[in-house]
């Protein structure tokens, strides 16, 4: 099974270079429905597919899904100017 997530250009750009190796998602009903089954157990995925935006000719890449954690007080900065800061995130790990 493959977890499919849409991301914007700045995160996509640093993910395909290998600089950013985790996806950060603010807790919400939507992401929790992807990460947990109806009983509250973590869903099992083999792969994760990232798509840059919406539309017909959008770039994508697929990587090996490595699970997720819930973390607090996250602060990251990347070479292309992308900054990420927040109190609570689901941190989704993957590798090529």
N, C-alpha and C. Protein backbone atom coordinates (compact mmCIF):
# COMPACT_ATOMS: atom_id res chain seq x y z
N UNK A 1 0.85 -1.17 0.00
CA UNK A 1 0.00 0.00 0.00
C UNK A 1 0.90 1.24 0.00
N UNK A 2 0.42 2.30 -0.64
CA UNK A 2 1.20 3.53 -0.78
C UNK A 2 0.45 4.71 -0.16
N UNK A 3 1.12 5.44 0.70
CA UNK A 3 0.59 6.69 1.26
C UNK A 3 0.87 7.78 0.24
N UNK A 4 -0.16 8.52 -0.16
CA UNK A 4 0.00 9.57 -1.16
C UNK A 4 -0.23 10.92 -0.52
N UNK A 5 0.78 11.81 -0.68
CA UNK A 5 0.70 13.15 -0.12
C UNK A 5 1.05 14.19 -1.17
N UNK A 6 0.33 15.29 -1.15
CA UNK A 6 0.61 16.43 -2.03
C UNK A 6 1.41 17.44 -1.23
N UNK A 7 2.48 17.95 -1.84
CA UNK A 7 3.31 18.95 -1.19
C UNK A 7 3.57 20.11 -2.15
N UNK A 8 4.01 21.23 -1.62
CA UNK A 8 4.29 22.39 -2.45
C UNK A 8 5.74 22.34 -2.98
N UNK A 9 6.08 23.30 -3.83
CA UNK A 9 7.34 23.29 -4.55
C UNK A 9 8.58 23.34 -3.65
N UNK A 10 8.61 24.25 -2.68
CA UNK A 10 9.82 24.37 -1.84
C UNK A 10 10.15 23.08 -1.09
N UNK A 11 9.19 22.46 -0.42
CA UNK A 11 9.51 21.18 0.22
C UNK A 11 9.91 20.11 -0.80
N UNK A 12 9.19 20.05 -1.92
CA UNK A 12 9.50 19.06 -2.96
C UNK A 12 10.94 19.19 -3.44
N UNK A 13 11.38 20.43 -3.68
CA UNK A 13 12.73 20.67 -4.19
C UNK A 13 13.83 20.16 -3.26
N UNK A 14 13.68 20.35 -1.95
CA UNK A 14 14.72 19.87 -1.03
C UNK A 14 14.55 18.39 -0.67
N UNK A 15 13.39 17.85 -0.96
CA UNK A 15 13.20 16.41 -0.73
C UNK A 15 13.87 15.61 -1.84
N UNK A 16 13.73 16.03 -3.09
CA UNK A 16 14.32 15.25 -4.19
C UNK A 16 15.84 15.30 -4.19
N UNK A 17 16.43 16.32 -3.54
CA UNK A 17 17.90 16.37 -3.43
C UNK A 17 18.40 15.53 -2.26
N UNK A 18 17.48 15.11 -1.36
CA UNK A 18 17.87 14.33 -0.19
C UNK A 18 18.15 15.18 1.03
N UNK A 19 18.07 16.49 0.91
CA UNK A 19 18.34 17.36 2.06
C UNK A 19 17.24 17.22 3.13
N UNK A 20 16.00 17.19 2.71
CA UNK A 20 14.87 17.04 3.63
C UNK A 20 14.40 15.59 3.52
N UNK A 21 14.50 14.85 4.61
CA UNK A 21 14.18 13.41 4.60
C UNK A 21 12.97 13.05 5.46
N UNK A 22 12.21 14.05 5.83
CA UNK A 22 11.00 13.84 6.62
C UNK A 22 9.93 14.81 6.13
N UNK A 23 8.69 14.39 6.23
CA UNK A 23 7.57 15.28 5.92
C UNK A 23 6.87 15.60 7.23
N UNK A 24 6.55 16.86 7.42
CA UNK A 24 5.95 17.34 8.65
C UNK A 24 4.50 17.72 8.39
N UNK A 25 3.59 17.18 9.17
CA UNK A 25 2.17 17.47 9.03
C UNK A 25 1.57 17.86 10.37
N UNK A 26 0.88 18.99 10.41
CA UNK A 26 0.18 19.43 11.61
C UNK A 26 -0.95 18.43 11.87
N UNK A 27 -1.14 18.01 13.11
CA UNK A 27 -2.22 17.08 13.40
C UNK A 27 -3.58 17.62 12.94
N UNK A 28 -4.31 16.80 12.21
CA UNK A 28 -5.64 17.15 11.73
C UNK A 28 -6.39 15.85 11.49
N UNK A 29 -7.69 15.93 11.36
CA UNK A 29 -8.48 14.73 11.09
C UNK A 29 -8.05 14.10 9.77
N UNK A 30 -7.72 14.93 8.77
CA UNK A 30 -7.35 14.41 7.46
C UNK A 30 -6.08 13.56 7.54
N UNK A 31 -5.00 14.10 8.11
CA UNK A 31 -3.74 13.34 8.14
C UNK A 31 -3.87 12.14 9.07
N UNK A 32 -4.62 12.28 10.15
CA UNK A 32 -4.81 11.15 11.06
C UNK A 32 -5.59 10.03 10.38
N UNK A 33 -6.50 10.37 9.46
CA UNK A 33 -7.22 9.33 8.73
C UNK A 33 -6.30 8.57 7.78
N UNK A 34 -5.19 9.18 7.40
CA UNK A 34 -4.20 8.51 6.55
C UNK A 34 -3.20 7.69 7.37
N UNK A 35 -2.93 8.16 8.58
CA UNK A 35 -1.91 7.50 9.41
C UNK A 35 -2.46 6.41 10.32
N UNK A 36 -3.76 6.50 10.68
CA UNK A 36 -4.35 5.55 11.62
C UNK A 36 -5.59 4.91 11.01
N UNK A 37 -5.86 3.65 11.39
CA UNK A 37 -7.11 3.02 10.98
C UNK A 37 -8.23 3.48 11.93
N UNK A 38 -9.44 2.97 11.73
CA UNK A 38 -10.59 3.40 12.53
C UNK A 38 -10.50 3.00 13.99
N UNK A 39 -9.64 2.03 14.29
CA UNK A 39 -9.44 1.61 15.68
C UNK A 39 -8.31 2.38 16.36
N UNK A 40 -7.64 3.27 15.62
CA UNK A 40 -6.56 4.06 16.20
C UNK A 40 -5.19 3.42 16.07
N UNK A 41 -5.10 2.33 15.32
CA UNK A 41 -3.81 1.66 15.10
C UNK A 41 -3.10 2.30 13.91
N UNK A 42 -1.78 2.40 13.95
CA UNK A 42 -1.05 2.96 12.80
C UNK A 42 -1.27 2.11 11.55
N UNK A 43 -1.52 2.77 10.44
CA UNK A 43 -1.65 2.07 9.16
C UNK A 43 -0.27 1.62 8.69
N UNK A 44 -0.24 0.55 7.95
CA UNK A 44 1.02 0.04 7.41
C UNK A 44 1.10 0.38 5.92
N UNK A 45 2.19 1.03 5.55
CA UNK A 45 2.46 1.37 4.16
C UNK A 45 3.82 0.81 3.77
N UNK A 46 3.96 0.49 2.51
CA UNK A 46 5.26 0.08 2.00
C UNK A 46 6.00 1.27 1.39
N UNK A 47 5.23 2.14 0.71
CA UNK A 47 5.82 3.29 0.03
C UNK A 47 5.05 4.56 0.37
N UNK A 48 5.70 5.68 0.07
CA UNK A 48 5.06 6.98 0.17
C UNK A 48 5.32 7.72 -1.13
N UNK A 49 4.26 8.27 -1.70
CA UNK A 49 4.38 9.00 -2.96
C UNK A 49 4.11 10.48 -2.69
N UNK A 50 5.07 11.32 -3.06
CA UNK A 50 4.93 12.76 -2.91
C UNK A 50 4.66 13.36 -4.28
N UNK A 51 3.66 14.22 -4.34
CA UNK A 51 3.30 14.89 -5.58
C UNK A 51 3.41 16.39 -5.35
N UNK A 52 4.07 17.07 -6.29
CA UNK A 52 4.25 18.52 -6.20
C UNK A 52 3.05 19.22 -6.81
N UNK A 53 2.11 19.60 -5.95
CA UNK A 53 0.95 20.36 -6.38
C UNK A 53 -0.13 19.51 -7.01
N UNK A 54 -1.06 20.21 -7.66
CA UNK A 54 -2.21 19.57 -8.29
C UNK A 54 -2.14 19.83 -9.79
N UNK A 55 -2.78 19.01 -10.56
CA UNK A 55 -2.83 19.20 -12.00
C UNK A 55 -2.35 17.98 -12.74
N UNK A 56 -2.42 18.08 -14.05
CA UNK A 56 -2.14 16.94 -14.91
C UNK A 56 -0.65 16.58 -15.00
N UNK A 57 0.21 17.54 -15.15
CA UNK A 57 1.64 17.29 -15.38
C UNK A 57 2.49 17.62 -14.16
N UNK A 58 2.11 17.13 -13.04
CA UNK A 58 2.82 17.44 -11.80
C UNK A 58 3.93 16.43 -11.53
N UNK A 59 5.08 16.89 -11.04
CA UNK A 59 6.15 15.94 -10.73
C UNK A 59 5.85 15.15 -9.46
N UNK A 60 6.32 13.91 -9.43
CA UNK A 60 6.15 13.04 -8.26
C UNK A 60 7.42 12.25 -8.02
N UNK A 61 7.54 11.73 -6.82
CA UNK A 61 8.56 10.73 -6.53
C UNK A 61 8.01 9.79 -5.47
N UNK A 62 8.51 8.58 -5.50
CA UNK A 62 8.08 7.55 -4.55
C UNK A 62 9.30 7.08 -3.77
N UNK A 63 9.12 6.90 -2.47
CA UNK A 63 10.21 6.46 -1.60
C UNK A 63 9.68 5.37 -0.66
N UNK A 64 10.58 4.72 0.02
CA UNK A 64 10.24 3.69 1.00
C UNK A 64 9.72 4.37 2.27
N UNK A 65 8.54 3.99 2.70
CA UNK A 65 7.92 4.52 3.90
C UNK A 65 8.60 3.93 5.14
N UNK A 66 8.99 4.79 6.08
CA UNK A 66 9.69 4.34 7.28
C UNK A 66 8.92 4.60 8.58
N UNK A 67 7.65 5.00 8.47
CA UNK A 67 6.84 5.23 9.67
C UNK A 67 6.76 6.69 10.06
N UNK A 68 6.17 6.93 11.22
CA UNK A 68 6.00 8.31 11.69
C UNK A 68 6.07 8.37 13.20
N UNK A 69 6.31 9.57 13.68
CA UNK A 69 6.28 9.88 15.11
C UNK A 69 5.51 11.17 15.29
N UNK A 70 5.14 11.47 16.49
CA UNK A 70 4.53 12.76 16.82
C UNK A 70 5.55 13.52 17.65
N UNK A 71 5.95 14.69 17.17
CA UNK A 71 7.01 15.45 17.83
C UNK A 71 6.56 16.87 18.13
N UNK A 72 7.25 17.48 19.09
CA UNK A 72 6.90 18.82 19.56
C UNK A 72 8.08 19.77 19.38
N UNK A 73 7.75 21.05 19.28
CA UNK A 73 8.75 22.13 19.20
C UNK A 73 9.76 21.89 18.09
N UNK A 74 9.28 21.81 16.88
CA UNK A 74 10.10 21.56 15.70
C UNK A 74 10.54 22.89 15.10
N UNK A 75 11.80 22.97 14.73
CA UNK A 75 12.33 24.13 14.02
C UNK A 75 13.38 23.64 13.03
N UNK A 76 13.12 23.84 11.72
CA UNK A 76 14.04 23.42 10.67
C UNK A 76 14.18 24.54 9.64
N UNK A 77 15.33 24.59 9.03
CA UNK A 77 15.58 25.54 7.95
C UNK A 77 16.39 24.84 6.88
N UNK A 78 16.03 25.06 5.62
CA UNK A 78 16.65 24.37 4.50
C UNK A 78 17.33 25.35 3.54
N UNK A 79 18.19 24.82 2.69
CA UNK A 79 19.04 25.65 1.83
C UNK A 79 18.27 26.53 0.85
N UNK A 80 17.05 26.15 0.48
CA UNK A 80 16.28 26.95 -0.46
C UNK A 80 15.40 28.00 0.22
N UNK A 81 15.60 28.21 1.53
CA UNK A 81 14.84 29.21 2.26
C UNK A 81 13.61 28.68 2.96
N UNK A 82 13.28 27.42 2.74
CA UNK A 82 12.14 26.82 3.42
C UNK A 82 12.39 26.80 4.92
N UNK A 83 11.43 27.32 5.68
CA UNK A 83 11.52 27.30 7.14
C UNK A 83 10.29 26.61 7.68
N UNK A 84 10.51 25.79 8.68
CA UNK A 84 9.44 25.03 9.30
C UNK A 84 9.56 25.20 10.81
N UNK A 85 8.48 25.65 11.43
CA UNK A 85 8.50 25.84 12.86
C UNK A 85 7.09 25.62 13.40
N UNK A 86 6.99 24.90 14.51
CA UNK A 86 5.68 24.69 15.10
C UNK A 86 5.76 23.88 16.37
N UNK A 87 4.65 23.84 17.07
CA UNK A 87 4.60 23.16 18.36
C UNK A 87 4.37 21.67 18.27
N UNK A 88 3.61 21.22 17.25
CA UNK A 88 3.28 19.80 17.20
C UNK A 88 3.12 19.35 15.74
N UNK A 89 3.80 18.25 15.40
CA UNK A 89 3.75 17.72 14.05
C UNK A 89 3.76 16.20 14.08
N UNK A 90 3.14 15.60 13.07
CA UNK A 90 3.44 14.21 12.74
C UNK A 90 4.65 14.28 11.81
N UNK A 91 5.69 13.54 12.14
CA UNK A 91 6.91 13.53 11.34
C UNK A 91 6.95 12.18 10.62
N UNK A 92 6.80 12.24 9.29
CA UNK A 92 6.72 11.05 8.46
C UNK A 92 8.08 10.82 7.82
N UNK A 93 8.67 9.67 8.07
CA UNK A 93 10.02 9.37 7.58
C UNK A 93 9.98 8.50 6.34
N UNK A 94 10.99 8.67 5.49
CA UNK A 94 11.09 7.89 4.26
C UNK A 94 12.56 7.84 3.84
N UNK A 95 12.89 6.96 2.90
CA UNK A 95 14.21 6.99 2.28
C UNK A 95 14.11 6.43 0.87
N UNK A 96 15.05 6.89 0.06
CA UNK A 96 15.08 6.48 -1.37
C UNK A 96 15.71 5.13 -1.51
